[in-house]
Amino acid sequence: MSQAATEITEGQRFEFGKNWSRFLLRLDGERIAEAESSLVQMLETDRLDGRTFLDVGSGSGLFSLAARRLGARVHSFDYDPQSVRCTRELKQRYLPNDPLWTVEEGSVLDESYLKSLGRFDVVYSWGVLHHTGAMRQALENVALAVVQGGRLLIAIYNDQGQASRIWLRIKRCYNALPRGMKIFVLWPCFIRLWGPTTLKDFLRLKPFYTWRNYGRLRGMSPWHDVVDWVGGFPFEVAKPEEIFDFFRVHGFTLTKLKTCGGGLGCNEFGFIKAKDIKGSF
């Protein structure tokens, strides 16, 4: 049994891969095109031909596929074995036997593993590093994986203060419960997260409008996103300025920023590596 599988069994880690496998059943061409479009917007380029792309915590493999379709040489890895299987399934479905897309099991906290991969023109890690259990070390490692002049795209959970600490307790409880009992945590959270929005849609005479149109950019269905949020553990958070300051002293310049307005969710960052400051591969 892998370390990740052991942590899941012991209630110390969420089964991200199981959620992603359900998501793949809903994946279609439109969502793939939307993933491609989001990369184009973040990187401000139409193509990635001749560039290398590292997908840290590939999950379903959707953005690895998007990067490959845009022309990049892609290396995908994930700590969760079932997520690795999801990425491999997606590759087999759309680009079987493609020599320019590699999928492996690995950990962003394993510095020797990252060193063995070398450096990349684009390092992408969306909603992943805050689930490692050692976010600062994960941030250090992805910083080292970017070539000088390369791009780093990350999304990190926003620090809401007391609210984040409450969610941490909820997530820890959810993962510690037996499988049949998890629903008793999930449903109240689902009502808390979606109740106000659903009510607003009805008052606007647009019942379930947000639900039907949710997740067009990322491609995650509303239910999958709720399960991913409630179960997502380990769980760390950071204020936008903390991420900005961290990468500034590591030689990065901020090029893109989208915050969640101080609320629930991720702050999204795009950086370019202007120069090497700390560490070297």
Protein backbone atom coordinates (compact mmCIF):
# COMPACT_ATOMS: atom_id res chain seq x y z
CA MET A 1 0.00 0.00 0.00
CA SER A 2 1.33 3.45 -0.93
CA GLN A 3 1.88 6.18 1.67
CA ALA A 4 -1.06 8.13 0.22
CA ALA A 5 -3.36 5.10 0.45
CA THR A 6 -2.29 4.55 4.06
CA GLU A 7 -3.04 8.17 4.94
CA ILE A 8 -6.48 7.89 3.31
CA THR A 9 -7.26 4.70 5.24
CA GLU A 10 -6.21 6.36 8.50
CA GLY A 11 -8.42 9.40 7.81
CA GLN A 12 -5.46 11.74 7.39
CA ARG A 13 -6.05 12.49 3.70
CA PHE A 14 -9.02 12.94 1.38
CA GLU A 15 -9.56 10.57 -1.58
CA PHE A 16 -9.07 13.21 -4.25
CA GLY A 17 -8.65 10.58 -6.96
CA LYS A 18 -12.02 9.01 -6.26
CA ASN A 19 -13.71 12.34 -6.79
CA TRP A 20 -11.76 12.95 -10.00
CA SER A 21 -12.74 9.56 -11.39
CA ARG A 22 -16.41 10.54 -11.08
CA PHE A 23 -15.66 13.86 -12.74
CA LEU A 24 -14.14 12.13 -15.77
CA LEU A 25 -17.53 10.56 -16.49
CA ARG A 26 -18.84 14.07 -17.21
CA LEU A 27 -15.85 15.41 -19.12
CA ASP A 28 -16.58 16.51 -22.69
CA GLY A 29 -15.01 18.50 -25.50
CA GLU A 30 -16.50 21.77 -24.33
CA ARG A 31 -14.86 21.51 -20.93
CA ILE A 32 -11.52 20.59 -22.48
CA ALA A 33 -11.75 23.65 -24.73
CA GLU A 34 -12.52 25.81 -21.68
CA ALA A 35 -9.44 24.46 -19.91
CA GLU A 36 -7.33 25.33 -22.95
CA SER A 37 -8.83 28.82 -23.01
CA SER A 38 -8.02 29.39 -19.33
CA LEU A 39 -4.35 28.46 -19.90
CA VAL A 40 -4.18 30.77 -22.90
CA GLN A 41 -5.57 33.63 -20.80
CA MET A 42 -3.27 32.99 -17.84
CA LEU A 43 -0.15 32.61 -19.99
CA GLU A 44 -1.13 35.29 -22.52
CA THR A 45 -0.12 33.13 -25.46
CA ASP A 46 -2.07 31.15 -28.04
CA ARG A 47 0.30 28.18 -28.23
CA LEU A 48 2.86 26.32 -26.10
CA ASP A 49 4.82 24.69 -28.91
CA GLY A 50 8.39 23.92 -27.88
CA ARG A 51 7.72 24.59 -24.20
CA THR A 52 7.79 22.19 -21.28
CA PHE A 53 4.84 22.01 -18.86
CA LEU A 54 4.88 20.46 -15.36
CA ASP A 55 1.47 19.63 -13.87
CA VAL A 56 2.01 19.31 -10.11
CA GLY A 57 -0.91 17.36 -8.67
CA SER A 58 -2.55 16.58 -12.00
CA GLY A 59 -5.85 15.28 -10.55
CA SER A 60 -8.11 14.40 -13.45
CA GLY A 61 -5.40 15.30 -15.96
CA LEU A 62 -7.64 17.91 -17.61
CA PHE A 63 -5.08 20.70 -17.64
CA SER A 64 -2.28 18.36 -18.65
CA LEU A 65 -4.40 17.43 -21.65
CA ALA A 66 -5.11 21.09 -22.36
CA ALA A 67 -1.41 21.98 -22.24
CA ARG A 68 -0.52 19.07 -24.52
CA ARG A 69 -3.19 20.08 -27.04
CA LEU A 70 -1.67 23.56 -27.01
CA GLY A 71 1.65 22.03 -28.05
CA ALA A 72 3.63 21.66 -24.81
CA ARG A 73 5.74 18.68 -23.77
CA VAL A 74 3.92 17.66 -20.58
CA HIS A 75 4.99 15.89 -17.40
CA SER A 76 2.14 15.11 -14.98
CA PHE A 77 2.42 13.70 -11.48
CA ASP A 78 0.21 13.28 -8.46
CA TYR A 79 0.65 11.91 -4.94
CA ASP A 80 -2.75 10.18 -4.99
CA PRO A 81 -2.53 6.84 -6.90
CA GLN A 82 -6.13 7.06 -8.11
CA SER A 83 -5.52 10.57 -9.44
CA VAL A 84 -2.56 9.16 -11.37
CA ARG A 85 -4.87 6.53 -12.84
CA CYS A 86 -7.34 9.28 -13.80
CA THR A 87 -4.64 11.22 -15.64
CA ARG A 88 -3.47 8.07 -17.40
CA GLU A 89 -7.05 7.21 -18.37
CA LEU A 90 -7.50 10.68 -19.84
CA LYS A 91 -4.27 10.36 -21.80
CA GLN A 92 -5.33 6.94 -23.09
CA ARG A 93 -8.72 8.35 -24.07
CA TYR A 94 -7.46 11.32 -26.07
CA LEU A 95 -3.72 10.90 -26.79
CA PRO A 96 -2.77 7.21 -26.46
CA ASN A 97 0.94 6.39 -26.78
CA ASP A 98 1.87 10.07 -27.00
CA PRO A 99 5.64 10.24 -26.25
CA LEU A 100 5.40 13.94 -25.31
CA TRP A 101 3.13 13.37 -22.31
CA THR A 102 4.49 11.51 -19.27
CA VAL A 103 2.35 10.56 -16.26
CA GLU A 104 3.87 9.42 -12.96
CA GLU A 105 3.17 9.02 -9.27
CA GLY A 106 5.21 11.44 -7.19
CA SER A 107 5.18 13.99 -4.39
CA VAL A 108 5.87 17.71 -4.64
CA LEU A 109 7.45 17.40 -1.18
CA ASP A 110 10.07 14.98 -2.57
CA GLU A 111 12.83 17.39 -3.59
CA SER A 112 15.01 14.63 -5.03
CA TYR A 113 12.15 13.56 -7.32
CA LEU A 114 11.63 17.13 -8.55
CA LYS A 115 15.36 17.55 -9.13
CA SER A 116 15.32 14.44 -11.31
CA LEU A 117 12.72 16.06 -13.56
CA GLY A 118 14.75 19.22 -14.22
CA ARG A 119 13.20 22.64 -14.79
CA PHE A 120 10.16 23.62 -16.82
CA ASP A 121 8.97 26.59 -18.85
CA VAL A 122 5.54 26.39 -17.19
CA VAL A 123 4.81 24.94 -13.75
CA TYR A 124 1.11 24.55 -13.02
CA SER A 125 -0.34 23.57 -9.63
CA TRP A 126 -4.00 24.50 -9.23
CA GLY A 127 -5.53 24.02 -5.80
CA VAL A 128 -2.93 21.43 -4.80
CA LEU A 129 -0.11 22.79 -2.63
CA HIS A 130 -2.41 23.64 0.30
CA HIS A 131 -3.32 19.93 0.50
CA THR A 132 0.22 18.60 0.97
CA GLY A 133 0.44 19.03 4.74
CA ALA A 134 3.60 21.12 4.27
CA MET A 135 2.59 24.02 2.04
CA ARG A 136 5.67 26.17 2.56
CA GLN A 137 7.97 23.34 1.51
CA ALA A 138 5.74 22.67 -1.50
CA LEU A 139 5.97 26.36 -2.48
CA GLU A 140 9.77 26.21 -2.15
CA ASN A 141 9.95 23.15 -4.38
CA VAL A 142 7.74 24.45 -7.19
CA ALA A 143 9.74 27.70 -7.19
CA LEU A 144 12.89 25.71 -7.91
CA ALA A 145 11.21 23.77 -10.72
CA VAL A 146 10.70 26.87 -12.91
CA VAL A 147 13.35 27.91 -15.44
CA GLN A 148 14.56 31.49 -15.38
CA GLY A 149 12.05 33.41 -17.48
CA GLY A 150 9.48 30.64 -16.97
CA ARG A 151 5.94 30.89 -15.67
CA LEU A 152 4.32 29.61 -12.48
CA LEU A 153 0.53 29.26 -12.16
CA ILE A 154 -0.89 28.37 -8.74
CA ALA A 155 -4.15 28.63 -6.80
CA ILE A 156 -4.05 28.69 -2.99
CA TYR A 157 -6.92 28.68 -0.49
CA ASN A 158 -7.65 32.09 0.97
CA ASP A 159 -7.06 32.65 4.68
CA GLN A 160 -10.41 33.67 6.21
CA GLY A 161 -9.15 33.71 9.77
CA GLN A 162 -11.59 32.06 12.20
CA ALA A 163 -13.75 30.71 9.36
CA SER A 164 -10.74 28.82 7.95
CA ARG A 165 -10.03 27.31 11.35
CA ILE A 166 -13.65 26.11 11.57
CA TRP A 167 -13.39 24.53 8.12
CA LEU A 168 -10.20 22.80 9.19
CA ARG A 169 -12.07 21.12 12.05
CA ILE A 170 -14.93 20.14 9.72
CA LYS A 171 -12.52 18.64 7.19
CA ARG A 172 -10.64 16.71 9.86
CA CYS A 173 -13.93 15.32 11.20
CA TYR A 174 -15.18 14.37 7.72
CA ASN A 175 -12.06 12.38 6.90
CA ALA A 176 -11.97 10.62 10.27
CA LEU A 177 -15.57 9.34 9.99
CA PRO A 178 -16.45 5.90 8.55
CA ARG A 179 -17.59 6.07 4.92
CA GLY A 180 -21.27 5.62 5.74
CA MET A 181 -21.22 8.50 8.24
CA LYS A 182 -19.57 11.13 6.03
CA ILE A 183 -22.89 12.17 4.50
CA PHE A 184 -23.95 13.61 7.89
CA VAL A 185 -21.15 16.17 7.55
CA LEU A 186 -21.45 16.62 3.80
CA TRP A 187 -25.16 17.50 3.57
CA PRO A 188 -25.18 20.33 6.17
CA CYS A 189 -22.11 21.78 4.46
CA PHE A 190 -23.80 21.46 1.08
CA ILE A 191 -26.82 23.40 2.37
CA ARG A 192 -24.53 26.03 3.91
CA LEU A 193 -22.55 26.46 0.68
CA TRP A 194 -25.36 26.32 -1.84
CA GLY A 195 -28.47 27.38 0.11
CA PRO A 196 -27.99 31.18 -0.08
CA THR A 197 -27.07 31.10 -3.78
CA THR A 198 -30.01 28.88 -4.68
CA LEU A 199 -32.39 31.15 -2.77
CA LYS A 200 -31.05 34.21 -4.60
CA ASP A 201 -31.60 32.48 -7.95
CA PHE A 202 -35.23 31.79 -7.07
CA LEU A 203 -35.76 35.38 -5.95
CA ARG A 204 -34.32 36.54 -9.31
CA LEU A 205 -36.81 34.19 -11.03
CA LYS A 206 -33.89 32.16 -12.38
CA PRO A 207 -34.18 28.89 -10.45
CA PHE A 208 -30.91 26.88 -10.30
CA TYR A 209 -29.24 29.28 -12.76
CA THR A 210 -25.93 29.31 -10.85
CA TRP A 211 -25.99 25.52 -10.42
CA ARG A 212 -26.50 24.93 -14.13
CA ASN A 213 -23.78 27.38 -15.14
CA TYR A 214 -21.28 26.60 -12.40
CA GLY A 215 -17.72 25.61 -13.05
CA ARG A 216 -17.57 26.53 -16.72
CA LEU A 217 -13.92 27.53 -16.40
CA ARG A 218 -12.53 24.80 -14.18
CA GLY A 219 -14.96 22.12 -15.37
CA MET A 220 -15.78 20.77 -11.91
CA SER A 221 -19.47 20.00 -11.36
CA PRO A 222 -21.07 21.72 -8.33
CA TRP A 223 -21.52 18.48 -6.38
CA HIS A 224 -17.96 17.30 -7.07
CA ASP A 225 -16.70 20.71 -5.97
CA VAL A 226 -18.61 20.54 -2.67
CA VAL A 227 -17.24 17.06 -1.91
CA ASP A 228 -13.74 18.23 -2.88
CA TRP A 229 -14.05 21.28 -0.62
CA VAL A 230 -15.51 19.55 2.44
CA GLY A 231 -13.19 16.55 2.18
CA GLY A 232 -10.06 18.41 1.11
CA PHE A 233 -7.54 17.54 3.81
CA PRO A 234 -4.72 18.28 4.70
CA PHE A 235 -5.76 21.91 4.55
CA GLU A 236 -3.70 25.11 4.75
CA VAL A 237 -4.48 28.69 3.78
CA ALA A 238 -2.65 31.92 3.00
CA LYS A 239 -3.43 35.58 2.50
CA PRO A 240 -2.74 36.91 -1.04
CA GLU A 241 0.05 39.16 0.21
CA GLU A 242 1.77 36.21 1.88
CA ILE A 243 1.99 34.34 -1.42
CA PHE A 244 3.10 37.48 -3.23
CA ASP A 245 5.84 38.20 -0.67
CA PHE A 246 7.01 34.58 -0.65
CA PHE A 247 7.60 34.45 -4.39
CA ARG A 248 8.96 38.00 -4.60
CA VAL A 249 11.91 37.05 -2.41
CA HIS A 250 12.38 33.95 -4.58
CA GLY A 251 12.90 36.07 -7.67
CA PHE A 252 9.38 35.98 -9.14
CA THR A 253 7.30 38.84 -10.54
CA LEU A 254 3.51 38.76 -10.27
CA THR A 255 1.81 38.90 -13.69
CA LYS A 256 -1.73 37.75 -12.88
CA LEU A 257 -3.86 37.93 -9.75
CA LYS A 258 -7.48 36.97 -9.16
CA THR A 259 -8.65 36.97 -5.56
CA CYS A 260 -11.83 35.51 -4.11
CA GLY A 261 -12.67 38.84 -2.51
CA GLY A 262 -11.65 37.77 0.96
CA GLY A 263 -14.18 34.94 0.99
CA LEU A 264 -14.26 31.19 0.53
CA GLY A 265 -12.12 29.67 -2.20
CA CYS A 266 -8.77 30.12 -3.91
CA ASN A 267 -6.71 33.13 -4.82
CA GLU A 268 -5.18 32.61 -8.26
CA PHE A 269 -1.64 33.73 -9.11
CA GLY A 270 0.48 33.95 -12.23
CA PHE A 271 4.21 34.59 -11.81
CA ILE A 272 7.23 34.89 -14.08
CA LYS A 273 10.62 33.87 -12.72
CA ALA A 274 12.80 36.91 -13.26
CA LYS A 275 15.91 35.42 -11.64
CA ASP A 276 17.15 32.71 -9.30
CA ILE A 277 17.44 33.81 -5.69
CA LYS A 278 17.40 30.76 -3.42
CA GLY A 279 18.33 27.19 -4.14
CA SER A 280 19.41 25.57 -7.37
CA PHE A 281 18.67 22.30 -9.16
